Amino acid sequence: MTDAIAHLGSRLKEIRLKSGLSLREIARQLDVSPSFISQIENGKSQPSVATLYSFAKLLSVPVDVLFQSSGDVHIEPNKQLDIEVNRKNLAHPTDAWDSSKARISSINPNNRSLITMDSGVTWERLAATAEESVNFMEINYAPGAETNKSGEMIFHDGFEYGYALEGELEVTIGDLVLQLSTGHSLGFDSSIPHRFRNTGPNKFRGIWFVHGCHSAHTSA
């Protein structure tokens, strides 16, 4: 633990830089002076337990990550695709992201990977662990948005689980049509043809988790 404490300052600086937050911004949000943060990062001052918890909360990482060796944490960089994506071109939701992987993945809400579909849908990545064939994301459907611009059903290997945070989403799974509204959740076999549509006047926002085999197909 002594070595971990000795390297705590440099570890804090490493994670801060990965998060994209400046030293002054950290100081402003913690309501302390920039010189105080600088002294901690340079090992000239030891933070209190309360300050450590504040750091961890601000950087969106568990406190114990601050004491781990360099490279053990993945903080998602701020990046957004500049082109619109057609959902039909993604055989499986896990194909959406790059190969960023880590045993621990912490993503600041302001620095999520974002994919914009041409049908008015956005996906925001919530974690990038080493587990394959998993997609943990926040989905947003603008009013009138749907899975595919063409209205086609899709299917792929695995299972999907969703939880509605706000708005309503029309979910079609095979011959079944469901209305997913705030606070409601669902899970289903993704090999059943399915389609999502926002038929309401307000944006739909939900948490989605897709788990399954990587080989997949879209419907004809």
C-alpha atoms as a PDB file:
ATOM      1  CA  MET A   1       0.000   0.000   0.000  1.00  0.00           C
ATOM      2  CA  THR A   2       2.966   2.318   0.682  1.00  0.00           C
ATOM      3  CA  ASP A   3       3.998   2.184  -2.985  1.00  0.00           C
ATOM      4  CA  ALA A   4       0.405   2.832  -4.048  1.00  0.00           C
ATOM      5  CA  ILE A   5       0.216   5.941  -1.866  1.00  0.00           C
ATOM      6  CA  ALA A   6       3.596   7.124  -3.135  1.00  0.00           C
ATOM      7  CA  HIS A   7       2.321   6.958  -6.710  1.00  0.00           C
ATOM      8  CA  LEU A   8      -1.155   8.235  -5.941  1.00  0.00           C
ATOM      9  CA  GLY A   9      -0.448  11.730  -7.254  1.00  0.00           C
ATOM     10  CA  SER A  10       0.840  10.570 -10.622  1.00  0.00           C
ATOM     11  CA  ARG A  11      -2.069   8.118 -10.866  1.00  0.00           C
ATOM     12  CA  LEU A  12      -4.568  10.911 -10.226  1.00  0.00           C
ATOM     13  CA  LYS A  13      -2.922  13.000 -12.925  1.00  0.00           C
ATOM     14  CA  GLU A  14      -2.967  10.089 -15.384  1.00  0.00           C
ATOM     15  CA  ILE A  15      -6.687   9.472 -14.882  1.00  0.00           C
ATOM     16  CA  ARG A  16      -7.479  13.203 -14.978  1.00  0.00           C
ATOM     17  CA  LEU A  17      -5.705  13.595 -18.307  1.00  0.00           C
ATOM     18  CA  LYS A  18      -7.495  10.558 -19.741  1.00  0.00           C
ATOM     19  CA  SER A  19     -10.820  12.030 -18.659  1.00  0.00           C
ATOM     20  CA  GLY A  20     -10.085  15.226 -20.604  1.00  0.00           C
ATOM     21  CA  LEU A  21     -10.528  17.469 -17.549  1.00  0.00           C
ATOM     22  CA  SER A  22      -8.027  20.256 -16.977  1.00  0.00           C
ATOM     23  CA  LEU A  23      -6.371  20.878 -13.631  1.00  0.00           C
ATOM     24  CA  ARG A  24      -8.253  24.174 -13.310  1.00  0.00           C
ATOM     25  CA  GLU A  25     -11.581  22.499 -14.094  1.00  0.00           C
ATOM     26  CA  ILE A  26     -10.958  19.847 -11.422  1.00  0.00           C
ATOM     27  CA  ALA A  27     -10.085  22.597  -8.937  1.00  0.00           C
ATOM     28  CA  ARG A  28     -13.199  24.584  -9.841  1.00  0.00           C
ATOM     29  CA  GLN A  29     -15.533  21.626  -9.432  1.00  0.00           C
ATOM     30  CA  LEU A  30     -13.940  20.587  -6.126  1.00  0.00           C
ATOM     31  CA  ASP A  31     -13.922  24.220  -4.952  1.00  0.00           C
ATOM     32  CA  VAL A  32     -10.197  24.221  -4.180  1.00  0.00           C
ATOM     33  CA  SER A  33      -7.208  26.059  -5.631  1.00  0.00           C
ATOM     34  CA  PRO A  34      -5.373  24.760  -8.736  1.00  0.00           C
ATOM     35  CA  SER A  35      -2.125  24.818  -6.735  1.00  0.00           C
ATOM     36  CA  PHE A  36      -3.663  22.404  -4.224  1.00  0.00           C
ATOM     37  CA  ILE A  37      -4.473  19.918  -7.017  1.00  0.00           C
ATOM     38  CA  SER A  38      -1.006  20.423  -8.497  1.00  0.00           C
ATOM     39  CA  GLN A  39       0.653  19.640  -5.148  1.00  0.00           C
ATOM     40  CA  ILE A  40      -1.332  16.415  -4.849  1.00  0.00           C
ATOM     41  CA  GLU A  41      -0.483  15.322  -8.398  1.00  0.00           C
ATOM     42  CA  ASN A  42       3.201  16.107  -7.842  1.00  0.00           C
ATOM     43  CA  GLY A  43       3.292  14.098  -4.620  1.00  0.00           C
ATOM     44  CA  LYS A  44       3.969  17.152  -2.433  1.00  0.00           C
ATOM     45  CA  SER A  45       0.695  16.798  -0.564  1.00  0.00           C
ATOM     46  CA  GLN A  46      -1.464  13.833   0.460  1.00  0.00           C
ATOM     47  CA  PRO A  47      -5.224  14.187  -0.075  1.00  0.00           C
ATOM     48  CA  SER A  48      -7.672  13.434   2.710  1.00  0.00           C
ATOM     49  CA  VAL A  49     -10.071  10.505   2.414  1.00  0.00           C
ATOM     50  CA  ALA A  50     -12.901  12.947   1.675  1.00  0.00           C
ATOM     51  CA  THR A  51     -10.851  14.560  -1.107  1.00  0.00           C
ATOM     52  CA  LEU A  52     -10.071  11.139  -2.583  1.00  0.00           C
ATOM     53  CA  TYR A  53     -13.761  10.289  -2.702  1.00  0.00           C
ATOM     54  CA  SER A  54     -14.455  13.638  -4.361  1.00  0.00           C
ATOM     55  CA  PHE A  55     -11.755  12.936  -6.953  1.00  0.00           C
ATOM     56  CA  ALA A  56     -13.149   9.475  -7.668  1.00  0.00           C
ATOM     57  CA  LYS A  57     -16.704  10.759  -8.010  1.00  0.00           C
ATOM     58  CA  LEU A  58     -15.656  13.579 -10.335  1.00  0.00           C
ATOM     59  CA  LEU A  59     -13.525  11.269 -12.499  1.00  0.00           C
ATOM     60  CA  SER A  60     -16.242   8.556 -12.512  1.00  0.00           C
ATOM     61  CA  VAL A  61     -13.960   5.812 -11.162  1.00  0.00           C
ATOM     62  CA  PRO A  62     -14.051   3.617  -8.028  1.00  0.00           C
ATOM     63  CA  VAL A  63     -11.738   4.865  -5.255  1.00  0.00           C
ATOM     64  CA  ASP A  64      -9.624   1.687  -5.383  1.00  0.00           C
ATOM     65  CA  VAL A  65      -8.774   2.418  -9.029  1.00  0.00           C
ATOM     66  CA  LEU A  66      -6.808   5.451  -7.832  1.00  0.00           C
ATOM     67  CA  PHE A  67      -4.389   3.067  -6.100  1.00  0.00           C
ATOM     68  CA  GLN A  68      -3.953   0.634  -8.984  1.00  0.00           C
ATOM     69  CA  SER A  69      -0.987   0.523 -11.319  1.00  0.00           C
ATOM     70  CA  SER A  70      -0.912   2.545 -14.506  1.00  0.00           C
ATOM     71  CA  GLY A  71      -2.889   1.184 -17.445  1.00  0.00           C
ATOM     72  CA  ASP A  72      -5.466  -0.841 -15.483  1.00  0.00           C
ATOM     73  CA  VAL A  73      -8.312   1.569 -16.123  1.00  0.00           C
ATOM     74  CA  HIS A  74      -9.996   2.543 -19.369  1.00  0.00           C
ATOM     75  CA  ILE A  75     -11.571   5.999 -19.524  1.00  0.00           C
ATOM     76  CA  GLU A  76     -13.384   6.520 -22.778  1.00  0.00           C
ATOM     77  CA  PRO A  77     -11.932   9.377 -24.856  1.00  0.00           C
ATOM     78  CA  ASN A  78     -14.196  12.080 -26.201  1.00  0.00           C
ATOM     79  CA  LYS A  79     -15.049  11.011 -29.715  1.00  0.00           C
ATOM     80  CA  GLN A  80     -18.005  11.018 -32.056  1.00  0.00           C
ATOM     81  CA  LEU A  81     -18.449   9.532 -35.481  1.00  0.00           C
ATOM     82  CA  ASP A  82     -18.726  12.267 -38.114  1.00  0.00           C
ATOM     83  CA  ILE A  83     -20.956  10.189 -40.389  1.00  0.00           C
ATOM     84  CA  GLU A  84     -24.431   8.830 -40.011  1.00  0.00           C
ATOM     85  CA  VAL A  85     -24.674   5.061 -39.771  1.00  0.00           C
ATOM     86  CA  ASN A  86     -27.320   2.829 -41.326  1.00  0.00           C
ATOM     87  CA  ARG A  87     -28.401   0.244 -38.743  1.00  0.00           C
ATOM     88  CA  LYS A  88     -28.674  -2.351 -41.502  1.00  0.00           C
ATOM     89  CA  ASN A  89     -24.897  -2.142 -41.953  1.00  0.00           C
ATOM     90  CA  LEU A  90     -24.289  -3.249 -38.353  1.00  0.00           C
ATOM     91  CA  ALA A  91     -24.732  -7.018 -38.279  1.00  0.00           C
ATOM     92  CA  HIS A  92     -24.590  -7.035 -34.483  1.00  0.00           C
ATOM     93  CA  PRO A  93     -24.718  -4.143 -31.964  1.00  0.00           C
ATOM     94  CA  THR A  94     -21.240  -5.063 -30.725  1.00  0.00           C
ATOM     95  CA  ASP A  95     -19.880  -4.184 -34.185  1.00  0.00           C
ATOM     96  CA  ALA A  96     -20.658  -0.540 -33.472  1.00  0.00           C
ATOM     97  CA  TRP A  97     -17.607   0.271 -31.378  1.00  0.00           C
ATOM     98  CA  ASP A  98     -13.840   0.148 -31.717  1.00  0.00           C
ATOM     99  CA  SER A  99     -11.684  -2.466 -29.983  1.00  0.00           C
ATOM    100  CA  SER A 100     -11.057  -0.438 -26.789  1.00  0.00           C
ATOM    101  CA  LYS A 101     -10.931  -2.909 -23.912  1.00  0.00           C
ATOM    102  CA  ALA A 102     -10.022  -2.871 -20.227  1.00  0.00           C
ATOM    103  CA  ARG A 103     -10.603  -4.866 -17.057  1.00  0.00           C
ATOM    104  CA  ILE A 104     -12.076  -1.713 -15.552  1.00  0.00           C
ATOM    105  CA  SER A 105     -13.949   0.740 -17.767  1.00  0.00           C
ATOM    106  CA  SER A 106     -15.121   4.103 -16.447  1.00  0.00           C
ATOM    107  CA  ILE A 107     -16.723   6.621 -18.779  1.00  0.00           C
ATOM    108  CA  ASN A 108     -17.444  10.244 -17.985  1.00  0.00           C
ATOM    109  CA  PRO A 109     -20.965  11.262 -19.149  1.00  0.00           C
ATOM    110  CA  ASN A 110     -19.390  14.048 -21.212  1.00  0.00           C
ATOM    111  CA  ASN A 111     -16.912  11.709 -22.934  1.00  0.00           C
ATOM    112  CA  ARG A 112     -18.951   8.813 -24.280  1.00  0.00           C
ATOM    113  CA  SER A 113     -18.454   7.307 -27.718  1.00  0.00           C
ATOM    114  CA  LEU A 114     -21.480   8.366 -29.722  1.00  0.00           C
ATOM    115  CA  ILE A 115     -22.945   6.835 -32.864  1.00  0.00           C
ATOM    116  CA  THR A 116     -25.690   8.601 -34.804  1.00  0.00           C
ATOM    117  CA  MET A 117     -27.956   6.536 -37.039  1.00  0.00           C
ATOM    118  CA  ASP A 118     -29.463   7.970 -40.220  1.00  0.00           C
ATOM    119  CA  SER A 119     -32.901   7.115 -38.802  1.00  0.00           C
ATOM    120  CA  GLY A 120     -32.711   9.598 -35.904  1.00  0.00           C
ATOM    121  CA  VAL A 121     -31.324   7.189 -33.301  1.00  0.00           C
ATOM    122  CA  THR A 122     -28.182   7.630 -31.181  1.00  0.00           C
ATOM    123  CA  TRP A 123     -26.187   5.075 -29.195  1.00  0.00           C
ATOM    124  CA  GLU A 124     -23.850   6.122 -26.380  1.00  0.00           C
ATOM    125  CA  ARG A 125     -21.376   3.562 -25.082  1.00  0.00           C
ATOM    126  CA  LEU A 126     -21.473   3.080 -21.296  1.00  0.00           C
ATOM    127  CA  ALA A 127     -18.576   0.648 -20.817  1.00  0.00           C
ATOM    128  CA  ALA A 128     -15.719  -0.917 -22.786  1.00  0.00           C
ATOM    129  CA  THR A 129     -14.577  -4.029 -20.934  1.00  0.00           C
ATOM    130  CA  ALA A 130     -12.630  -6.994 -22.291  1.00  0.00           C
ATOM    131  CA  GLU A 131     -15.767  -9.145 -22.484  1.00  0.00           C
ATOM    132  CA  GLU A 132     -16.648  -9.811 -26.104  1.00  0.00           C
ATOM    133  CA  SER A 133     -20.084  -9.730 -27.730  1.00  0.00           C
ATOM    134  CA  VAL A 134     -21.512  -7.326 -25.174  1.00  0.00           C
ATOM    135  CA  ASN A 135     -22.967  -3.868 -25.768  1.00  0.00           C
ATOM    136  CA  PHE A 136     -23.937  -1.695 -22.786  1.00  0.00           C
ATOM    137  CA  MET A 137     -25.304   1.641 -23.957  1.00  0.00           C
ATOM    138  CA  GLU A 138     -27.797   4.461 -23.643  1.00  0.00           C
ATOM    139  CA  ILE A 139     -30.146   4.720 -26.605  1.00  0.00           C
ATOM    140  CA  ASN A 140     -32.002   7.842 -27.707  1.00  0.00           C
ATOM    141  CA  TYR A 141     -34.856   7.930 -30.219  1.00  0.00           C
ATOM    142  CA  ALA A 142     -35.997  11.334 -31.455  1.00  0.00           C
ATOM    143  CA  PRO A 143     -39.737  11.715 -32.176  1.00  0.00           C
ATOM    144  CA  GLY A 144     -40.433   9.725 -35.339  1.00  0.00           C
ATOM    145  CA  ALA A 145     -37.120   7.840 -35.173  1.00  0.00           C
ATOM    146  CA  GLU A 146     -36.969   4.098 -35.758  1.00  0.00           C
ATOM    147  CA  THR A 147     -34.462   1.267 -35.961  1.00  0.00           C
ATOM    148  CA  ASN A 148     -34.134   1.452 -39.738  1.00  0.00           C
ATOM    149  CA  LYS A 149     -34.992   4.307 -42.045  1.00  0.00           C
ATOM    150  CA  SER A 150     -36.643   1.710 -44.296  1.00  0.00           C
ATOM    151  CA  GLY A 151     -38.773   0.312 -41.454  1.00  0.00           C
ATOM    152  CA  GLU A 152     -37.299  -3.175 -41.851  1.00  0.00           C
ATOM    153  CA  MET A 153     -37.171  -5.652 -38.983  1.00  0.00           C
ATOM    154  CA  ILE A 154     -33.729  -6.840 -37.845  1.00  0.00           C
ATOM    155  CA  PHE A 155     -32.486  -9.916 -36.019  1.00  0.00           C
ATOM    156  CA  HIS A 156     -29.180 -11.162 -34.639  1.00  0.00           C
ATOM    157  CA  ASP A 157     -27.784 -13.677 -32.161  1.00  0.00           C
ATOM    158  CA  GLY A 158     -28.051 -13.092 -28.429  1.00  0.00           C
ATOM    159  CA  PHE A 159     -30.434 -11.437 -26.016  1.00  0.00           C
ATOM    160  CA  GLU A 160     -31.380  -7.805 -25.372  1.00  0.00           C
ATOM    161  CA  TYR A 161     -32.449  -6.110 -22.182  1.00  0.00           C
ATOM    162  CA  GLY A 162     -33.824  -2.581 -21.994  1.00  0.00           C
ATOM    163  CA  TYR A 163     -34.989  -0.095 -19.369  1.00  0.00           C
ATOM    164  CA  ALA A 164     -36.900   3.076 -20.255  1.00  0.00           C
ATOM    165  CA  LEU A 165     -35.627   6.252 -18.595  1.00  0.00           C
ATOM    166  CA  GLU A 166     -37.988   8.687 -20.297  1.00  0.00           C
ATOM    167  CA  GLY A 167     -40.499   8.839 -23.138  1.00  0.00           C
ATOM    168  CA  GLU A 168     -42.182   5.935 -24.918  1.00  0.00           C
ATOM    169  CA  LEU A 169     -40.950   3.449 -27.485  1.00  0.00           C
ATOM    170  CA  GLU A 170     -43.012   1.123 -29.651  1.00  0.00           C
ATOM    171  CA  VAL A 171     -41.280  -2.267 -29.612  1.00  0.00           C
ATOM    172  CA  THR A 172     -42.246  -4.872 -32.204  1.00  0.00           C
ATOM    173  CA  ILE A 173     -40.931  -8.392 -31.571  1.00  0.00           C
ATOM    174  CA  GLY A 174     -42.248 -10.870 -34.099  1.00  0.00           C
ATOM    175  CA  ASP A 175     -46.051 -10.433 -34.079  1.00  0.00           C
ATOM    176  CA  LEU A 176     -46.029  -8.793 -30.642  1.00  0.00           C
ATOM    177  CA  VAL A 177     -46.223  -4.995 -30.299  1.00  0.00           C
ATOM    178  CA  LEU A 178     -45.352  -3.469 -26.907  1.00  0.00           C
ATOM    179  CA  GLN A 179     -45.259   0.086 -25.567  1.00  0.00           C
ATOM    180  CA  LEU A 180     -42.148   0.628 -23.462  1.00  0.00           C
ATOM    181  CA  SER A 181     -42.687   3.674 -21.236  1.00  0.00           C
ATOM    182  CA  THR A 182     -40.769   5.310 -18.378  1.00  0.00           C
ATOM    183  CA  GLY A 183     -39.855   2.800 -15.687  1.00  0.00           C
ATOM    184  CA  HIS A 184     -40.763  -0.225 -17.796  1.00  0.00           C
ATOM    185  CA  SER A 185     -38.224  -2.860 -18.821  1.00  0.00           C
ATOM    186  CA  LEU A 186     -38.003  -5.841 -21.134  1.00  0.00           C
ATOM    187  CA  GLY A 187     -35.781  -8.659 -22.310  1.00  0.00           C
ATOM    188  CA  PHE A 188     -36.032 -10.815 -25.419  1.00  0.00           C
ATOM    189  CA  ASP A 189     -34.302 -13.234 -27.745  1.00  0.00           C
ATOM    190  CA  SER A 190     -32.709 -11.062 -30.452  1.00  0.00           C
ATOM    191  CA  SER A 191     -32.994 -13.823 -33.045  1.00  0.00           C
ATOM    192  CA  ILE A 192     -36.709 -12.929 -33.243  1.00  0.00           C
ATOM    193  CA  PRO A 193     -37.166 -10.169 -35.877  1.00  0.00           C
ATOM    194  CA  HIS A 194     -37.681  -6.868 -34.097  1.00  0.00           C
ATOM    195  CA  ARG A 195     -37.999  -3.131 -34.641  1.00  0.00           C
ATOM    196  CA  PHE A 196     -38.196  -0.041 -32.401  1.00  0.00           C
ATOM    197  CA  ARG A 197     -40.072   3.180 -33.205  1.00  0.00           C
ATOM    198  CA  ASN A 198     -40.760   6.392 -31.328  1.00  0.00           C
ATOM    199  CA  THR A 199     -44.323   7.238 -32.290  1.00  0.00           C
ATOM    200  CA  GLY A 200     -44.735   9.912 -29.619  1.00  0.00           C
ATOM    201  CA  PRO A 201     -44.001  13.669 -29.510  1.00  0.00           C
ATOM    202  CA  ASN A 202     -41.116  13.397 -27.025  1.00  0.00           C
ATOM    203  CA  LYS A 203     -37.631  11.892 -27.104  1.00  0.00           C
ATOM    204  CA  PHE A 204     -37.203   8.348 -25.820  1.00  0.00           C
ATOM    205  CA  ARG A 205     -34.156   7.574 -23.702  1.00  0.00           C
ATOM    206  CA  GLY A 206     -33.275   4.156 -22.297  1.00  0.00           C
ATOM    207  CA  ILE A 207     -30.503   1.902 -21.042  1.00  0.00           C
ATOM    208  CA  TRP A 208     -29.812  -1.097 -23.291  1.00  0.00           C
ATOM    209  CA  PHE A 209     -27.736  -4.220 -22.787  1.00  0.00           C
ATOM    210  CA  VAL A 210     -27.099  -6.682 -25.627  1.00  0.00           C
ATOM    211  CA  HIS A 211     -25.399  -9.989 -24.887  1.00  0.00           C
ATOM    212  CA  GLY A 212     -24.764 -12.853 -27.272  1.00  0.00           C
ATOM    213  CA  CYS A 213     -22.749 -14.520 -30.003  1.00  0.00           C
ATOM    214  CA  HIS A 214     -20.888 -12.277 -32.408  1.00  0.00           C
ATOM    215  CA  SER A 215     -22.023 -13.911 -35.655  1.00  0.00           C
ATOM    216  CA  ALA A 216     -25.242 -12.197 -36.694  1.00  0.00           C
ATOM    217  CA  HIS A 217     -27.542 -11.262 -39.543  1.00  0.00           C
ATOM    218  CA  THR A 218     -29.981  -8.572 -40.467  1.00  0.00           C
ATOM    219  CA  SER A 219     -33.297  -9.454 -42.003  1.00  0.00           C
ATOM    220  CA  ALA A 220     -33.865  -9.275 -45.719  1.00  0.00           C
END
